[in-house]
Amino acid sequence: MNSSVFVVSVMIGIGIVAFGFGFAVREAISVLADVDRVYDDRSADLDDA
């Protein structure tokens, strides 16, 4: 196997993993932000009661 082909395939694999990880982190942050917003709404309702 040619070493340059191996290096390129490793770089592509790292890029895919990094992209997937970045996407997962972004999704987790948006989910946490939504949960935080819902929790704030609920505590505001409790304050009104």
Protein backbone atom coordinates (compact mmCIF):
# COMPACT_ATOMS: atom_id res chain seq x y z
CA MET A 1 0.00 0.00 0.00
CA ASN A 2 1.29 3.46 -0.90
CA SER A 3 2.10 5.55 2.20
CA SER A 4 0.61 8.76 0.73
CA VAL A 5 -2.71 6.97 0.13
CA PHE A 6 -2.66 5.81 3.77
CA VAL A 7 -1.92 9.33 5.04
CA VAL A 8 -4.73 10.81 2.94
CA SER A 9 -7.23 8.20 4.13
CA VAL A 10 -6.23 8.82 7.77
CA MET A 11 -6.63 12.59 7.27
CA ILE A 12 -10.11 12.05 5.75
CA GLY A 13 -11.05 9.76 8.64
CA ILE A 14 -9.88 12.32 11.21
CA GLY A 15 -11.81 15.04 9.37
CA ILE A 16 -15.02 12.97 9.40
CA VAL A 17 -14.61 12.17 13.11
CA ALA A 18 -13.84 15.81 13.96
CA PHE A 19 -16.86 17.00 11.96
CA GLY A 20 -19.12 14.42 13.62
CA PHE A 21 -17.79 15.34 17.07
CA GLY A 22 -18.28 19.06 16.41
CA PHE A 23 -21.84 18.41 15.20
CA ALA A 24 -22.60 16.30 18.30
CA VAL A 25 -21.22 19.02 20.60
CA ARG A 26 -23.32 21.67 18.84
CA GLU A 27 -26.45 19.49 19.16
CA ALA A 28 -25.75 18.86 22.86
CA ILE A 29 -25.31 22.60 23.51
CA SER A 30 -28.60 23.44 21.74
CA VAL A 31 -30.42 20.69 23.68
CA LEU A 32 -28.97 21.95 26.98
CA ALA A 33 -29.98 25.50 26.05
CA ASP A 34 -33.54 24.31 25.35
CA VAL A 35 -33.68 22.40 28.66
CA ASP A 36 -32.37 25.48 30.49
CA ARG A 37 -35.04 27.66 28.82
CA VAL A 38 -37.82 25.20 29.75
CA TYR A 39 -36.53 25.08 33.33
CA ASP A 40 -36.50 28.90 33.49
CA ASP A 41 -40.09 29.03 32.19
CA ARG A 42 -41.18 26.50 34.80
CA SER A 43 -39.50 28.39 37.67
CA ALA A 44 -41.11 31.64 36.42
CA ASP A 45 -44.52 29.91 36.57
CA LEU A 46 -43.78 28.78 40.12
CA ASP A 47 -42.90 32.36 41.08
CA ASP A 48 -46.26 33.58 39.73
CA ALA A 49 -48.22 31.01 41.78
